[in-house]
């Protein structure tokens, strides 16, 4: 199973990270709001002191943040995620921040870090129900590895540009 950092376990992220734990992945969590990750720690996740601490030694880092400013701060701020990302790691941004913001973030990441833009479609009410949400994922940088799944259904990712998802 994969070692995954999940940053931003709010109303949408907590059910998603919970599914990763249930699927057997090793999950480390961090959130800007103190205590928001506690329910995940109680379910078996490890707590991190900072974004860079969360990503250290992980296979995959996932962000689920509310705004472009939050993404900027978490990835490139003091103790930001980018400080710990290195060759072979995959960064998945599930925030709904727009392709321009994601492209700017991808351009500033360390060399040989793969990035996938995977904004979530669904609502807070759908998040706890398995199989009720979807993501339109597209690589923003080449990825040589695989991305862990919390479900048995797989989807297709398209190259950078207008995303198309086939089922």
N, C-alpha and C. Protein backbone atom coordinates (compact mmCIF):
# COMPACT_ATOMS: atom_id res chain seq x y z
N UNK A 1 0.83 -1.18 0.00
CA UNK A 1 0.00 0.00 0.00
C UNK A 1 0.88 1.25 0.00
N UNK A 2 0.30 2.35 -0.39
CA UNK A 2 1.04 3.60 -0.53
C UNK A 2 1.10 4.39 0.77
N UNK A 3 2.13 5.21 0.87
CA UNK A 3 2.26 6.17 1.96
C UNK A 3 1.79 7.51 1.41
N UNK A 4 0.74 8.07 2.02
CA UNK A 4 0.07 9.24 1.48
C UNK A 4 -0.01 10.35 2.52
N UNK A 5 0.36 11.57 2.11
CA UNK A 5 0.14 12.76 2.92
C UNK A 5 -1.14 13.40 2.42
N UNK A 6 -2.04 13.75 3.33
CA UNK A 6 -3.30 14.42 2.96
C UNK A 6 -3.35 15.73 3.70
N UNK A 7 -3.31 16.82 2.94
CA UNK A 7 -3.29 18.16 3.52
C UNK A 7 -4.59 18.88 3.17
N UNK A 8 -5.34 19.25 4.21
CA UNK A 8 -6.62 19.91 4.01
C UNK A 8 -7.80 19.00 4.23
N UNK A 9 -7.80 18.23 5.33
CA UNK A 9 -8.93 17.34 5.57
C UNK A 9 -10.12 18.08 6.19
N UNK A 10 -10.74 18.93 5.40
CA UNK A 10 -11.94 19.63 5.86
C UNK A 10 -13.17 18.78 5.61
N UNK A 11 -14.27 19.44 5.29
CA UNK A 11 -15.53 18.73 5.10
C UNK A 11 -15.48 17.76 3.92
N UNK A 12 -14.74 18.10 2.87
CA UNK A 12 -14.61 17.19 1.73
C UNK A 12 -13.44 16.23 1.93
N UNK A 13 -12.34 16.73 2.46
CA UNK A 13 -11.12 15.93 2.57
C UNK A 13 -11.18 14.83 3.61
N UNK A 14 -11.87 15.06 4.72
CA UNK A 14 -11.92 14.05 5.77
C UNK A 14 -12.54 12.74 5.28
N UNK A 15 -13.69 12.79 4.62
CA UNK A 15 -14.23 11.51 4.10
C UNK A 15 -13.31 10.87 3.06
N UNK A 16 -12.64 11.68 2.26
CA UNK A 16 -11.73 11.13 1.25
C UNK A 16 -10.53 10.45 1.91
N UNK A 17 -9.94 11.10 2.90
CA UNK A 17 -8.80 10.52 3.61
C UNK A 17 -9.23 9.28 4.39
N UNK A 18 -10.44 9.30 4.91
CA UNK A 18 -10.97 8.13 5.61
C UNK A 18 -11.04 6.94 4.68
N UNK A 19 -11.48 7.15 3.43
CA UNK A 19 -11.54 6.06 2.46
C UNK A 19 -10.15 5.52 2.15
N UNK A 20 -9.15 6.39 2.11
CA UNK A 20 -7.78 5.93 1.88
C UNK A 20 -7.31 5.06 3.03
N UNK A 21 -7.63 5.45 4.26
CA UNK A 21 -7.29 4.63 5.42
C UNK A 21 -8.01 3.28 5.35
N UNK A 22 -9.28 3.30 5.01
CA UNK A 22 -10.05 2.06 4.92
C UNK A 22 -9.51 1.13 3.83
N UNK A 23 -8.91 1.72 2.79
CA UNK A 23 -8.33 0.92 1.71
C UNK A 23 -6.96 0.35 2.09
N UNK A 24 -6.46 0.70 3.29
CA UNK A 24 -5.20 0.14 3.76
C UNK A 24 -3.96 0.99 3.54
N UNK A 25 -4.13 2.21 3.04
CA UNK A 25 -2.97 3.08 2.83
C UNK A 25 -2.50 3.67 4.16
N UNK A 26 -1.21 3.97 4.24
CA UNK A 26 -0.65 4.67 5.39
C UNK A 26 -0.85 6.16 5.12
N UNK A 27 -1.64 6.84 5.95
CA UNK A 27 -2.01 8.23 5.71
C UNK A 27 -1.47 9.12 6.83
N UNK A 28 -0.81 10.20 6.43
CA UNK A 28 -0.37 11.25 7.36
C UNK A 28 -1.16 12.51 7.00
N UNK A 29 -1.72 13.17 8.02
CA UNK A 29 -2.59 14.33 7.78
C UNK A 29 -2.04 15.59 8.41
N UNK A 30 -2.39 16.71 7.78
CA UNK A 30 -2.08 18.04 8.30
C UNK A 30 -3.18 18.99 7.87
N UNK A 31 -3.53 19.94 8.72
CA UNK A 31 -4.50 20.96 8.36
C UNK A 31 -4.10 22.30 8.96
N UNK A 32 -4.46 23.37 8.26
CA UNK A 32 -4.16 24.72 8.73
C UNK A 32 -4.93 25.05 10.01
N UNK A 33 -6.09 24.43 10.19
CA UNK A 33 -6.91 24.67 11.38
C UNK A 33 -6.60 23.60 12.42
N UNK A 34 -6.05 24.03 13.54
CA UNK A 34 -5.65 23.10 14.60
C UNK A 34 -6.84 22.23 15.02
N UNK A 35 -6.62 20.94 15.09
CA UNK A 35 -7.62 20.01 15.55
C UNK A 35 -8.52 19.42 14.47
N UNK A 36 -8.49 19.99 13.28
CA UNK A 36 -9.38 19.49 12.22
C UNK A 36 -8.99 18.07 11.78
N UNK A 37 -7.73 17.71 11.93
CA UNK A 37 -7.29 16.37 11.52
C UNK A 37 -7.50 15.32 12.62
N UNK A 38 -7.92 15.73 13.80
CA UNK A 38 -8.08 14.80 14.93
C UNK A 38 -8.95 13.59 14.60
N UNK A 39 -10.11 13.74 13.94
CA UNK A 39 -10.91 12.55 13.64
C UNK A 39 -10.15 11.52 12.79
N UNK A 40 -9.29 11.98 11.91
CA UNK A 40 -8.49 11.05 11.09
C UNK A 40 -7.41 10.37 11.92
N UNK A 41 -6.81 11.09 12.83
CA UNK A 41 -5.81 10.49 13.72
C UNK A 41 -6.48 9.42 14.57
N UNK A 42 -7.69 9.69 15.02
CA UNK A 42 -8.44 8.70 15.82
C UNK A 42 -8.76 7.45 15.00
N UNK A 43 -8.79 7.58 13.66
CA UNK A 43 -9.06 6.44 12.78
C UNK A 43 -7.78 5.75 12.32
N UNK A 44 -6.61 6.26 12.77
CA UNK A 44 -5.36 5.58 12.45
C UNK A 44 -4.36 6.36 11.64
N UNK A 45 -4.69 7.57 11.22
CA UNK A 45 -3.74 8.41 10.48
C UNK A 45 -2.69 8.97 11.44
N UNK A 46 -1.53 9.30 10.90
CA UNK A 46 -0.52 10.00 11.66
C UNK A 46 -0.74 11.50 11.49
N UNK A 47 -0.43 12.29 12.51
CA UNK A 47 -0.55 13.75 12.43
C UNK A 47 0.82 14.34 12.14
N UNK A 48 0.86 15.35 11.29
CA UNK A 48 2.11 16.04 10.96
C UNK A 48 2.07 17.46 11.53
N UNK A 49 3.25 17.99 11.82
CA UNK A 49 3.36 19.33 12.38
C UNK A 49 3.33 20.43 11.32
N UNK A 50 3.61 20.06 10.06
CA UNK A 50 3.67 21.05 8.98
C UNK A 50 3.45 20.34 7.65
N UNK A 51 3.21 21.09 6.58
CA UNK A 51 3.08 20.45 5.27
C UNK A 51 4.34 19.68 4.86
N UNK A 52 5.51 20.26 5.12
CA UNK A 52 6.74 19.56 4.73
C UNK A 52 6.94 18.30 5.57
N UNK A 53 6.56 18.36 6.84
CA UNK A 53 6.63 17.18 7.70
C UNK A 53 5.69 16.09 7.18
N UNK A 54 4.51 16.48 6.73
CA UNK A 54 3.54 15.51 6.22
C UNK A 54 4.06 14.78 4.99
N UNK A 55 4.74 15.50 4.10
CA UNK A 55 5.18 14.92 2.82
C UNK A 55 6.49 14.15 2.89
N UNK A 56 7.25 14.35 3.94
CA UNK A 56 8.56 13.70 4.04
C UNK A 56 8.43 12.19 3.96
N UNK A 57 9.06 11.59 2.96
CA UNK A 57 9.08 10.15 2.81
C UNK A 57 7.81 9.53 2.26
N UNK A 58 6.87 10.33 1.85
CA UNK A 58 5.61 9.81 1.31
C UNK A 58 5.74 9.50 -0.18
N UNK A 59 4.90 8.60 -0.67
CA UNK A 59 4.83 8.32 -2.10
C UNK A 59 4.02 9.40 -2.81
N UNK A 60 2.96 9.83 -2.14
CA UNK A 60 1.99 10.75 -2.73
C UNK A 60 1.61 11.81 -1.70
N UNK A 61 1.46 13.05 -2.15
CA UNK A 61 0.93 14.13 -1.31
C UNK A 61 -0.33 14.66 -1.99
N UNK A 62 -1.42 14.76 -1.23
CA UNK A 62 -2.70 15.24 -1.76
C UNK A 62 -3.08 16.51 -1.02
N UNK A 63 -3.46 17.55 -1.79
CA UNK A 63 -4.01 18.75 -1.18
C UNK A 63 -5.47 18.88 -1.56
N UNK A 64 -6.28 19.33 -0.60
CA UNK A 64 -7.71 19.58 -0.80
C UNK A 64 -8.01 20.89 -0.09
N UNK A 65 -7.75 22.00 -0.79
CA UNK A 65 -7.81 23.32 -0.18
C UNK A 65 -8.86 24.20 -0.84
N UNK A 66 -9.27 25.25 -0.12
CA UNK A 66 -10.41 26.05 -0.55
C UNK A 66 -10.10 27.14 -1.57
N UNK A 67 -8.89 27.69 -1.54
CA UNK A 67 -8.61 28.85 -2.37
C UNK A 67 -7.20 28.78 -2.97
N UNK A 68 -6.95 29.56 -4.04
CA UNK A 68 -5.59 29.64 -4.58
C UNK A 68 -4.58 30.14 -3.54
N UNK A 69 -4.98 31.09 -2.70
CA UNK A 69 -4.06 31.59 -1.67
C UNK A 69 -3.70 30.50 -0.67
N UNK A 70 -4.68 29.68 -0.30
CA UNK A 70 -4.40 28.57 0.63
C UNK A 70 -3.43 27.57 -0.02
N UNK A 71 -3.65 27.27 -1.29
CA UNK A 71 -2.75 26.35 -1.99
C UNK A 71 -1.33 26.91 -2.04
N UNK A 72 -1.20 28.17 -2.38
CA UNK A 72 0.12 28.83 -2.43
C UNK A 72 0.83 28.73 -1.08
N UNK A 73 0.12 29.03 -0.01
CA UNK A 73 0.73 29.02 1.32
C UNK A 73 1.14 27.60 1.74
N UNK A 74 0.27 26.64 1.51
CA UNK A 74 0.56 25.27 1.93
C UNK A 74 1.71 24.66 1.11
N UNK A 75 1.77 24.97 -0.17
CA UNK A 75 2.82 24.39 -1.01
C UNK A 75 4.14 25.14 -0.90
N UNK A 76 4.10 26.48 -0.88
CA UNK A 76 5.34 27.25 -0.96
C UNK A 76 5.64 28.13 0.25
N UNK A 77 4.80 28.12 1.27
CA UNK A 77 5.05 28.93 2.46
C UNK A 77 6.15 28.34 3.33
N UNK A 78 6.39 28.99 4.47
CA UNK A 78 7.34 28.46 5.44
C UNK A 78 6.92 27.03 5.79
N UNK A 79 7.86 26.11 5.75
CA UNK A 79 7.59 24.69 6.01
C UNK A 79 6.58 24.11 5.01
N UNK A 80 6.58 24.66 3.79
CA UNK A 80 5.64 24.24 2.76
C UNK A 80 5.94 22.86 2.20
N UNK A 81 4.95 22.33 1.56
CA UNK A 81 5.01 21.01 0.96
C UNK A 81 6.17 20.86 -0.02
N UNK A 82 6.42 21.89 -0.83
CA UNK A 82 7.46 21.81 -1.86
C UNK A 82 8.85 21.55 -1.26
N UNK A 83 9.07 21.95 -0.03
CA UNK A 83 10.37 21.73 0.61
C UNK A 83 10.69 20.24 0.78
N UNK A 84 9.64 19.41 0.91
CA UNK A 84 9.86 17.99 1.16
C UNK A 84 9.66 17.11 -0.07
N UNK A 85 9.10 17.67 -1.13
CA UNK A 85 8.86 16.87 -2.33
C UNK A 85 10.15 16.65 -3.10
N UNK A 86 10.33 15.43 -3.59
CA UNK A 86 11.53 15.11 -4.34
C UNK A 86 11.25 14.16 -5.48
N UNK A 87 12.30 13.75 -6.18
CA UNK A 87 12.14 12.86 -7.33
C UNK A 87 11.33 11.62 -7.00
N UNK A 88 10.40 11.30 -7.89
CA UNK A 88 9.59 10.11 -7.74
C UNK A 88 8.30 10.30 -6.96
N UNK A 89 8.18 11.41 -6.24
CA UNK A 89 6.95 11.65 -5.51
C UNK A 89 5.89 12.23 -6.44
N UNK A 90 4.64 11.96 -6.11
CA UNK A 90 3.51 12.47 -6.89
C UNK A 90 2.73 13.42 -6.00
N UNK A 91 2.43 14.60 -6.54
CA UNK A 91 1.62 15.60 -5.85
C UNK A 91 0.29 15.70 -6.58
N UNK A 92 -0.81 15.42 -5.86
CA UNK A 92 -2.15 15.49 -6.42
C UNK A 92 -2.88 16.66 -5.77
N UNK A 93 -3.27 17.64 -6.59
CA UNK A 93 -4.05 18.75 -6.05
C UNK A 93 -5.51 18.53 -6.40
N UNK A 94 -6.33 18.38 -5.36
CA UNK A 94 -7.76 18.15 -5.55
C UNK A 94 -8.57 19.40 -5.23
N UNK A 95 -7.88 20.52 -5.02
CA UNK A 95 -8.55 21.78 -4.77
C UNK A 95 -9.23 22.25 -6.05
N UNK A 96 -10.28 23.03 -5.90
CA UNK A 96 -10.96 23.59 -7.06
C UNK A 96 -10.46 25.03 -7.20
N UNK A 97 -9.26 25.17 -7.78
CA UNK A 97 -8.62 26.48 -7.86
C UNK A 97 -8.41 26.96 -9.29
N UNK A 98 -8.71 26.13 -10.26
CA UNK A 98 -8.58 26.52 -11.66
C UNK A 98 -7.27 26.08 -12.27
N UNK A 99 -7.28 25.81 -13.59
CA UNK A 99 -6.10 25.29 -14.27
C UNK A 99 -4.93 26.27 -14.31
N UNK A 100 -5.18 27.57 -14.33
CA UNK A 100 -4.08 28.54 -14.35
C UNK A 100 -3.27 28.47 -13.06
N UNK A 101 -3.97 28.44 -11.94
CA UNK A 101 -3.29 28.34 -10.64
C UNK A 101 -2.49 27.05 -10.55
N UNK A 102 -3.09 25.94 -10.96
CA UNK A 102 -2.40 24.65 -10.89
C UNK A 102 -1.17 24.66 -11.79
N UNK A 103 -1.28 25.25 -12.98
CA UNK A 103 -0.13 25.34 -13.88
C UNK A 103 1.00 26.14 -13.27
N UNK A 104 0.67 27.24 -12.58
CA UNK A 104 1.70 28.04 -11.92
C UNK A 104 2.38 27.27 -10.80
N UNK A 105 1.60 26.52 -10.05
CA UNK A 105 2.17 25.69 -8.97
C UNK A 105 3.09 24.63 -9.56
N UNK A 106 2.62 23.93 -10.59
CA UNK A 106 3.41 22.86 -11.21
C UNK A 106 4.75 23.39 -11.72
N UNK A 107 4.75 24.58 -12.28
CA UNK A 107 5.98 25.15 -12.84
C UNK A 107 7.02 25.45 -11.77
N UNK A 108 6.59 25.61 -10.53
CA UNK A 108 7.50 25.98 -9.45
C UNK A 108 7.94 24.79 -8.59
N UNK A 109 7.42 23.61 -8.86
CA UNK A 109 7.78 22.44 -8.06
C UNK A 109 9.20 21.98 -8.36
N UNK A 110 9.82 21.25 -7.42
CA UNK A 110 11.15 20.70 -7.67
C UNK A 110 11.14 19.77 -8.89
N UNK A 111 12.27 19.64 -9.53
CA UNK A 111 12.42 18.75 -10.69
C UNK A 111 12.02 17.33 -10.33
N UNK A 112 11.45 16.65 -11.30
CA UNK A 112 11.09 15.24 -11.22
C UNK A 112 10.03 14.93 -10.17
N UNK A 113 9.25 15.94 -9.77
CA UNK A 113 8.07 15.71 -8.95
C UNK A 113 6.89 15.74 -9.92
N UNK A 114 6.13 14.66 -9.96
CA UNK A 114 4.96 14.60 -10.83
C UNK A 114 3.79 15.28 -10.15
N UNK A 115 2.99 16.00 -10.94
CA UNK A 115 1.82 16.66 -10.38
C UNK A 115 0.60 16.28 -11.20
N UNK A 116 -0.49 16.03 -10.48
CA UNK A 116 -1.77 15.72 -11.11
C UNK A 116 -2.80 16.72 -10.62
N UNK A 117 -3.49 17.36 -11.55
CA UNK A 117 -4.59 18.26 -11.24
C UNK A 117 -5.85 17.42 -11.22
N UNK A 118 -6.50 17.30 -10.06
CA UNK A 118 -7.65 16.41 -9.92
C UNK A 118 -8.76 17.07 -9.12
N UNK A 119 -9.33 18.17 -9.64
CA UNK A 119 -10.40 18.82 -8.88
C UNK A 119 -11.59 17.87 -8.71
N UNK A 120 -12.21 17.96 -7.55
CA UNK A 120 -13.29 17.06 -7.19
C UNK A 120 -14.63 17.62 -7.67
N UNK A 121 -15.45 16.71 -8.16
CA UNK A 121 -16.84 17.05 -8.48
C UNK A 121 -17.72 16.33 -7.48
N UNK A 122 -18.58 17.07 -6.83
CA UNK A 122 -19.45 16.50 -5.82
C UNK A 122 -19.67 17.52 -4.74
N UNK A 123 -20.37 17.14 -3.71
CA UNK A 123 -20.68 18.08 -2.64
C UNK A 123 -20.27 17.49 -1.30
N UNK A 124 -20.32 18.33 -0.29
CA UNK A 124 -20.01 17.88 1.06
C UNK A 124 -20.95 16.75 1.46
N UNK A 125 -22.21 16.81 1.05
CA UNK A 125 -23.16 15.76 1.38
C UNK A 125 -22.82 14.44 0.71
N UNK A 126 -22.18 14.48 -0.46
CA UNK A 126 -21.82 13.26 -1.17
C UNK A 126 -20.52 12.64 -0.66
N UNK A 127 -19.64 13.44 -0.09
CA UNK A 127 -18.29 12.99 0.26
C UNK A 127 -18.24 11.72 1.11
N UNK A 128 -19.10 11.55 2.12
CA UNK A 128 -18.99 10.33 2.94
C UNK A 128 -19.44 9.05 2.25
N UNK A 129 -20.18 9.16 1.15
CA UNK A 129 -20.71 7.96 0.47
C UNK A 129 -19.73 7.47 -0.58
N UNK A 130 -19.31 6.23 -0.44
CA UNK A 130 -18.37 5.63 -1.38
C UNK A 130 -18.95 5.65 -2.79
N UNK A 131 -18.13 6.08 -3.75
CA UNK A 131 -18.51 6.06 -5.15
C UNK A 131 -19.43 7.19 -5.56
N UNK A 132 -19.66 8.17 -4.70
CA UNK A 132 -20.61 9.23 -5.02
C UNK A 132 -19.95 10.50 -5.55
N UNK A 133 -18.63 10.54 -5.62
CA UNK A 133 -17.93 11.71 -6.12
C UNK A 133 -17.01 11.29 -7.26
N UNK A 134 -16.62 12.26 -8.06
CA UNK A 134 -15.68 11.96 -9.14
C UNK A 134 -14.65 13.06 -9.24
N UNK A 135 -13.61 12.78 -9.96
CA UNK A 135 -12.54 13.74 -10.17
C UNK A 135 -12.13 13.70 -11.62
N UNK A 136 -11.85 14.86 -12.17
CA UNK A 136 -11.38 14.95 -13.55
C UNK A 136 -9.88 15.17 -13.49
N UNK A 137 -9.13 14.09 -13.43
CA UNK A 137 -7.68 14.18 -13.22
C UNK A 137 -6.94 14.35 -14.53
N UNK A 138 -5.89 15.17 -14.49
CA UNK A 138 -5.00 15.31 -15.64
C UNK A 138 -3.60 15.61 -15.13
N UNK A 139 -2.61 14.92 -15.67
CA UNK A 139 -1.24 15.18 -15.23
C UNK A 139 -0.78 16.54 -15.72
N UNK A 140 -0.12 17.29 -14.84
CA UNK A 140 0.47 18.55 -15.25
C UNK A 140 1.95 18.38 -15.49
N UNK A 141 2.50 17.29 -15.03
CA UNK A 141 3.88 16.89 -15.28
C UNK A 141 3.86 15.39 -15.46
N UNK A 142 4.80 14.87 -16.23
CA UNK A 142 4.84 13.43 -16.48
C UNK A 142 4.96 12.65 -15.19
N UNK A 143 4.22 11.58 -15.11
CA UNK A 143 4.26 10.71 -13.94
C UNK A 143 4.69 9.32 -14.37
N UNK A 144 5.71 8.81 -13.71
CA UNK A 144 6.19 7.47 -14.05
C UNK A 144 5.60 6.41 -13.14
N UNK A 145 4.96 6.83 -12.06
CA UNK A 145 4.38 5.87 -11.13
C UNK A 145 2.88 5.82 -11.25
N UNK A 146 2.27 5.10 -10.35
CA UNK A 146 0.82 5.02 -10.36
C UNK A 146 0.29 5.81 -9.17
N UNK A 147 -0.95 6.20 -9.27
CA UNK A 147 -1.60 6.97 -8.22
C UNK A 147 -2.51 6.03 -7.44
N UNK A 148 -2.41 6.01 -6.10
CA UNK A 148 -3.21 5.10 -5.32
C UNK A 148 -4.70 5.42 -5.44
N UNK A 149 -5.50 4.40 -5.35
CA UNK A 149 -6.93 4.56 -5.46
C UNK A 149 -7.59 4.14 -4.17
N UNK A 150 -8.73 4.76 -3.86
CA UNK A 150 -9.50 4.34 -2.70
C UNK A 150 -10.71 3.55 -3.14
N UNK A 151 -10.82 3.27 -4.43
CA UNK A 151 -11.95 2.49 -4.92
C UNK A 151 -11.47 1.45 -5.92
N UNK A 152 -12.36 0.59 -6.31
CA UNK A 152 -12.01 -0.44 -7.27
C UNK A 152 -12.26 0.00 -8.71
N UNK A 153 -12.93 1.14 -8.89
CA UNK A 153 -13.18 1.61 -10.26
C UNK A 153 -12.09 2.59 -10.66
N UNK A 154 -11.55 2.40 -11.81
CA UNK A 154 -10.48 3.24 -12.31
C UNK A 154 -11.00 4.10 -13.45
N UNK A 155 -10.43 5.25 -13.64
CA UNK A 155 -10.79 6.17 -14.70
C UNK A 155 -9.55 6.50 -15.50
N UNK A 156 -9.73 7.21 -16.58
CA UNK A 156 -8.63 7.55 -17.46
C UNK A 156 -8.24 9.01 -17.26
N UNK A 157 -6.93 9.29 -17.31
CA UNK A 157 -6.44 10.67 -17.23
C UNK A 157 -6.00 11.09 -18.62
N UNK A 158 -6.23 12.35 -18.92
CA UNK A 158 -5.85 12.88 -20.23
C UNK A 158 -4.64 13.77 -20.07
N UNK A 159 -3.94 14.08 -21.16
CA UNK A 159 -2.81 14.99 -21.08
C UNK A 159 -3.25 16.39 -20.66
N UNK A 160 -2.29 17.22 -20.35
CA UNK A 160 -2.58 18.60 -19.97
C UNK A 160 -3.39 19.25 -21.07
N UNK A 161 -4.37 20.03 -20.67
CA UNK A 161 -5.26 20.69 -21.62
C UNK A 161 -6.67 20.42 -21.19
N UNK A 162 -7.62 20.58 -22.12
CA UNK A 162 -9.00 20.33 -21.75
C UNK A 162 -9.19 18.89 -21.29
N UNK A 163 -9.66 18.70 -20.08
CA UNK A 163 -9.81 17.37 -19.53
C UNK A 163 -10.99 16.63 -20.10
N UNK A 164 -10.82 15.35 -20.31
CA UNK A 164 -11.90 14.48 -20.75
C UNK A 164 -11.82 13.24 -19.88
N UNK A 165 -12.92 12.86 -19.30
CA UNK A 165 -12.95 11.65 -18.49
C UNK A 165 -13.85 10.64 -19.16
N UNK A 166 -13.34 9.45 -19.33
CA UNK A 166 -14.15 8.36 -19.88
C UNK A 166 -14.41 7.37 -18.75
N UNK A 167 -15.56 6.77 -18.76
CA UNK A 167 -15.92 5.84 -17.69
C UNK A 167 -15.91 4.43 -18.10
